[in-house]
Amino acid sequence: MHDRLRLYIDGAWVAPQGQGLAEVQNPATEQTIGREWGEEGLAEFVEHKAIQL
């Protein structure tokens, strides 16, 4: 199983502030094949980019 527990922001891997993990599933078998940051991590990325503009 693969875990993606960091976000790539501005050329660097950073640990997100939130705790929201989402499971990644194989659509053919519905088996969990990994975890990555869900909506909470995405919101952090968008907020970071908005501040830079």
PDB file of N, CA and C in Angstrom:
ATOM      1  N   MET A   1       0.851  -1.165   0.000  1.00  0.00           N
ATOM      2  CA  MET A   1       0.000   0.000   0.000  1.00  0.00           C
ATOM      3  C   MET A   1       0.901   1.235   0.000  1.00  0.00           C
ATOM      4  N   HIS A   2       0.496   2.248  -0.757  1.00  0.00           N
ATOM      5  CA  HIS A   2       1.252   3.491  -0.850  1.00  0.00           C
ATOM      6  C   HIS A   2       0.598   4.565   0.010  1.00  0.00           C
ATOM      7  N   ASP A   3       1.419   5.274   0.768  1.00  0.00           N
ATOM      8  CA  ASP A   3       0.938   6.404   1.557  1.00  0.00           C
ATOM      9  C   ASP A   3       1.595   7.673   1.043  1.00  0.00           C
ATOM     10  N   ARG A   4       0.791   8.657   0.698  1.00  0.00           N
ATOM     11  CA  ARG A   4       1.309   9.965   0.287  1.00  0.00           C
ATOM     12  C   ARG A   4       0.935  10.938   1.391  1.00  0.00           C
ATOM     13  N   LEU A   5       1.884  11.180   2.272  1.00  0.00           N
ATOM     14  CA  LEU A   5       1.581  11.947   3.463  1.00  0.00           C
ATOM     15  C   LEU A   5       2.210  13.334   3.464  1.00  0.00           C
ATOM     16  N   ARG A   6       2.652  13.797   2.311  1.00  0.00           N
ATOM     17  CA  ARG A   6       3.193  15.147   2.184  1.00  0.00           C
ATOM     18  C   ARG A   6       2.609  15.796   0.942  1.00  0.00           C
ATOM     19  N   LEU A   7       2.614  17.123   0.918  1.00  0.00           N
ATOM     20  CA  LEU A   7       2.121  17.883  -0.227  1.00  0.00           C
ATOM     21  C   LEU A   7       3.301  18.547  -0.920  1.00  0.00           C
ATOM     22  N   TYR A   8       3.276  18.593  -2.234  1.00  0.00           N
ATOM     23  CA  TYR A   8       4.326  19.246  -3.011  1.00  0.00           C
ATOM     24  C   TYR A   8       3.882  20.678  -3.284  1.00  0.00           C
ATOM     25  N   ILE A   9       4.480  21.639  -2.574  1.00  0.00           N
ATOM     26  CA  ILE A   9       4.099  23.045  -2.689  1.00  0.00           C
ATOM     27  C   ILE A   9       5.346  23.871  -2.956  1.00  0.00           C
ATOM     28  N   ASP A  10       5.331  24.629  -4.039  1.00  0.00           N
ATOM     29  CA  ASP A  10       6.436  25.527  -4.400  1.00  0.00           C
ATOM     30  C   ASP A  10       7.780  24.811  -4.456  1.00  0.00           C
ATOM     31  N   GLY A  11       7.807  23.623  -5.039  1.00  0.00           N
ATOM     32  CA  GLY A  11       9.058  22.902  -5.237  1.00  0.00           C
ATOM     33  C   GLY A  11       9.587  22.175  -4.020  1.00  0.00           C
ATOM     34  N   ALA A  12       8.782  22.055  -2.975  1.00  0.00           N
ATOM     35  CA  ALA A  12       9.228  21.357  -1.767  1.00  0.00           C
ATOM     36  C   ALA A  12       8.105  20.478  -1.231  1.00  0.00           C
ATOM     37  N   TRP A  13       8.491  19.343  -0.629  1.00  0.00           N
ATOM     38  CA  TRP A  13       7.522  18.467   0.014  1.00  0.00           C
ATOM     39  C   TRP A  13       7.319  18.960   1.437  1.00  0.00           C
ATOM     40  N   VAL A  14       6.083  19.261   1.806  1.00  0.00           N
ATOM     41  CA  VAL A  14       5.773  19.772   3.142  1.00  0.00           C
ATOM     42  C   VAL A  14       4.680  18.921   3.784  1.00  0.00           C
ATOM     43  N   ALA A  15       4.737  18.836   5.099  1.00  0.00           N
ATOM     44  CA  ALA A  15       3.705  18.106   5.837  1.00  0.00           C
ATOM     45  C   ALA A  15       2.475  18.994   5.970  1.00  0.00           C
ATOM     46  N   PRO A  16       1.295  18.495   5.649  1.00  0.00           N
ATOM     47  CA  PRO A  16       0.075  19.288   5.784  1.00  0.00           C
ATOM     48  C   PRO A  16      -0.277  19.523   7.245  1.00  0.00           C
ATOM     49  N   GLN A  17      -1.045  20.563   7.487  1.00  0.00           N
ATOM     50  CA  GLN A  17      -1.472  20.899   8.843  1.00  0.00           C
ATOM     51  C   GLN A  17      -2.636  20.025   9.301  1.00  0.00           C
ATOM     52  N   GLY A  18      -3.485  19.603   8.382  1.00  0.00           N
ATOM     53  CA  GLY A  18      -4.681  18.842   8.726  1.00  0.00           C
ATOM     54  C   GLY A  18      -4.414  17.360   8.913  1.00  0.00           C
ATOM     55  N   GLN A  19      -5.459  16.648   9.270  1.00  0.00           N
ATOM     56  CA  GLN A  19      -5.366  15.211   9.516  1.00  0.00           C
ATOM     57  C   GLN A  19      -6.228  14.397   8.556  1.00  0.00           C
ATOM     58  N   GLY A  20      -6.824  15.026   7.533  1.00  0.00           N
ATOM     59  CA  GLY A  20      -7.791  14.353   6.669  1.00  0.00           C
ATOM     60  C   GLY A  20      -7.172  13.459   5.618  1.00  0.00           C
ATOM     61  N   LEU A  21      -7.140  12.159   5.864  1.00  0.00           N
ATOM     62  CA  LEU A  21      -6.635  11.197   4.887  1.00  0.00           C
ATOM     63  C   LEU A  21      -7.796  10.557   4.137  1.00  0.00           C
ATOM     64  N   ALA A  22      -7.584  10.311   2.851  1.00  0.00           N
ATOM     65  CA  ALA A  22      -8.582   9.629   2.028  1.00  0.00           C
ATOM     66  C   ALA A  22      -7.979   8.328   1.513  1.00  0.00           C
ATOM     67  N   GLU A  23      -8.766   7.287   1.503  1.00  0.00           N
ATOM     68  CA  GLU A  23      -8.296   6.010   0.972  1.00  0.00           C
ATOM     69  C   GLU A  23      -8.404   6.014  -0.545  1.00  0.00           C
ATOM     70  N   VAL A  24      -7.409   5.434  -1.198  1.00  0.00           N
ATOM     71  CA  VAL A  24      -7.416   5.279  -2.650  1.00  0.00           C
ATOM     72  C   VAL A  24      -7.764   3.825  -2.930  1.00  0.00           C
ATOM     73  N   GLN A  25      -8.778   3.611  -3.767  1.00  0.00           N
ATOM     74  CA  GLN A  25      -9.227   2.250  -4.039  1.00  0.00           C
ATOM     75  C   GLN A  25      -9.027   1.882  -5.497  1.00  0.00           C
ATOM     76  N   ASN A  26      -8.724   0.611  -5.724  1.00  0.00           N
ATOM     77  CA  ASN A  26      -8.672   0.056  -7.069  1.00  0.00           C
ATOM     78  C   ASN A  26     -10.123  -0.100  -7.522  1.00  0.00           C
ATOM     79  N   PRO A  27     -10.536   0.574  -8.606  1.00  0.00           N
ATOM     80  CA  PRO A  27     -11.936   0.499  -9.025  1.00  0.00           C
ATOM     81  C   PRO A  27     -12.363  -0.891  -9.489  1.00  0.00           C
ATOM     82  N   ALA A  28     -11.423  -1.702  -9.936  1.00  0.00           N
ATOM     83  CA  ALA A  28     -11.767  -3.043 -10.414  1.00  0.00           C
ATOM     84  C   ALA A  28     -12.046  -4.004  -9.267  1.00  0.00           C
ATOM     85  N   THR A  29     -11.276  -3.874  -8.170  1.00  0.00           N
ATOM     86  CA  THR A  29     -11.416  -4.809  -7.056  1.00  0.00           C
ATOM     87  C   THR A  29     -12.008  -4.177  -5.804  1.00  0.00           C
ATOM     88  N   GLU A  30     -12.093  -2.840  -5.788  1.00  0.00           N
ATOM     89  CA  GLU A  30     -12.543  -2.076  -4.628  1.00  0.00           C
ATOM     90  C   GLU A  30     -11.648  -2.290  -3.411  1.00  0.00           C
ATOM     91  N   GLN A  31     -10.432  -2.766  -3.644  1.00  0.00           N
ATOM     92  CA  GLN A  31      -9.458  -2.963  -2.578  1.00  0.00           C
ATOM     93  C   GLN A  31      -8.723  -1.645  -2.326  1.00  0.00           C
ATOM     94  N   THR A  32      -8.480  -1.321  -1.061  1.00  0.00           N
ATOM     95  CA  THR A  32      -7.717  -0.124  -0.724  1.00  0.00           C
ATOM     96  C   THR A  32      -6.264  -0.356  -1.104  1.00  0.00           C
ATOM     97  N   ILE A  33      -5.727   0.559  -1.917  1.00  0.00           N
ATOM     98  CA  ILE A  33      -4.347   0.405  -2.385  1.00  0.00           C
ATOM     99  C   ILE A  33      -3.437   1.523  -1.886  1.00  0.00           C
ATOM    100  N   GLY A  34      -3.985   2.491  -1.173  1.00  0.00           N
ATOM    101  CA  GLY A  34      -3.159   3.570  -0.651  1.00  0.00           C
ATOM    102  C   GLY A  34      -3.977   4.600   0.097  1.00  0.00           C
ATOM    103  N   ARG A  35      -3.263   5.586   0.621  1.00  0.00           N
ATOM    104  CA  ARG A  35      -3.899   6.710   1.300  1.00  0.00           C
ATOM    105  C   ARG A  35      -3.205   7.983   0.845  1.00  0.00           C
ATOM    106  N   GLU A  36      -3.959   9.048   0.757  1.00  0.00           N
ATOM    107  CA  GLU A  36      -3.387  10.352   0.445  1.00  0.00           C
ATOM    108  C   GLU A  36      -4.219  11.417   1.133  1.00  0.00           C
ATOM    109  N   TRP A  37      -3.690  12.642   1.141  1.00  0.00           N
ATOM    110  CA  TRP A  37      -4.421  13.719   1.790  1.00  0.00           C
ATOM    111  C   TRP A  37      -5.674  14.014   1.011  1.00  0.00           C
ATOM    112  N   GLY A  38      -6.777  14.101   1.704  1.00  0.00           N
ATOM    113  CA  GLY A  38      -8.060  14.360   1.069  1.00  0.00           C
ATOM    114  C   GLY A  38      -8.314  15.847   0.908  1.00  0.00           C
ATOM    115  N   GLU A  39      -9.554  16.251   1.022  1.00  0.00           N
ATOM    116  CA  GLU A  39      -9.967  17.632   0.780  1.00  0.00           C
ATOM    117  C   GLU A  39      -9.256  18.626   1.685  1.00  0.00           C
ATOM    118  N   GLU A  40      -8.947  18.236   2.911  1.00  0.00           N
ATOM    119  CA  GLU A  40      -8.278  19.138   3.841  1.00  0.00           C
ATOM    120  C   GLU A  40      -6.898  19.533   3.319  1.00  0.00           C
ATOM    121  N   GLY A  41      -6.153  18.568   2.806  1.00  0.00           N
ATOM    122  CA  GLY A  41      -4.837  18.859   2.241  1.00  0.00           C
ATOM    123  C   GLY A  41      -4.939  19.708   0.994  1.00  0.00           C
ATOM    124  N   LEU A  42      -5.921  19.433   0.158  1.00  0.00           N
ATOM    125  CA  LEU A  42      -6.125  20.216  -1.061  1.00  0.00           C
ATOM    126  C   LEU A  42      -6.477  21.658  -0.713  1.00  0.00           C
ATOM    127  N   ALA A  43      -7.294  21.855   0.299  1.00  0.00           N
ATOM    128  CA  ALA A  43      -7.661  23.208   0.723  1.00  0.00           C
ATOM    129  C   ALA A  43      -6.433  23.979   1.182  1.00  0.00           C
ATOM    130  N   GLU A  44      -5.526  23.311   1.873  1.00  0.00           N
ATOM    131  CA  GLU A  44      -4.292  23.962   2.323  1.00  0.00           C
ATOM    132  C   GLU A  44      -3.453  24.406   1.130  1.00  0.00           C
ATOM    133  N   PHE A  45      -3.354  23.562   0.114  1.00  0.00           N
ATOM    134  CA  PHE A  45      -2.596  23.891  -1.092  1.00  0.00           C
ATOM    135  C   PHE A  45      -3.202  25.108  -1.789  1.00  0.00           C
ATOM    136  N   VAL A  46      -4.515  25.125  -1.944  1.00  0.00           N
ATOM    137  CA  VAL A  46      -5.195  26.234  -2.617  1.00  0.00           C
ATOM    138  C   VAL A  46      -5.016  27.525  -1.823  1.00  0.00           C
ATOM    139  N   GLU A  47      -5.134  27.458  -0.509  1.00  0.00           N
ATOM    140  CA  GLU A  47      -4.951  28.645   0.332  1.00  0.00           C
ATOM    141  C   GLU A  47      -3.535  29.193   0.183  1.00  0.00           C
ATOM    142  N   HIS A  48      -2.545  28.323   0.164  1.00  0.00           N
ATOM    143  CA  HIS A  48      -1.148  28.739   0.007  1.00  0.00           C
ATOM    144  C   HIS A  48      -0.954  29.459  -1.322  1.00  0.00           C
ATOM    145  N   LYS A  49      -1.511  28.920  -2.392  1.00  0.00           N
ATOM    146  CA  LYS A  49      -1.374  29.528  -3.712  1.00  0.00           C
ATOM    147  C   LYS A  49      -2.108  30.867  -3.774  1.00  0.00           C
ATOM    148  N   ALA A  50      -3.272  30.968  -3.145  1.00  0.00           N
ATOM    149  CA  ALA A  50      -4.045  32.207  -3.171  1.00  0.00           C
ATOM    150  C   ALA A  50      -3.305  33.333  -2.455  1.00  0.00           C
ATOM    151  N   ILE A  51      -2.623  33.018  -1.379  1.00  0.00           N
ATOM    152  CA  ILE A  51      -1.872  34.027  -0.626  1.00  0.00           C
ATOM    153  C   ILE A  51      -0.736  34.583  -1.476  1.00  0.00           C
ATOM    154  N   GLN A  52      -0.131  33.758  -2.318  1.00  0.00           N
ATOM    155  CA  GLN A  52       0.989  34.193  -3.146  1.00  0.00           C
ATOM    156  C   GLN A  52       0.555  35.152  -4.244  1.00  0.00           C
ATOM    157  N   LEU A  53      -0.696  35.071  -4.690  1.00  0.00           N
ATOM    158  CA  LEU A  53      -1.167  35.943  -5.763  1.00  0.00           C
ATOM    159  C   LEU A  53      -1.357  37.309  -5.212  1.00  0.00           C
TER     160      LEU A  53
END
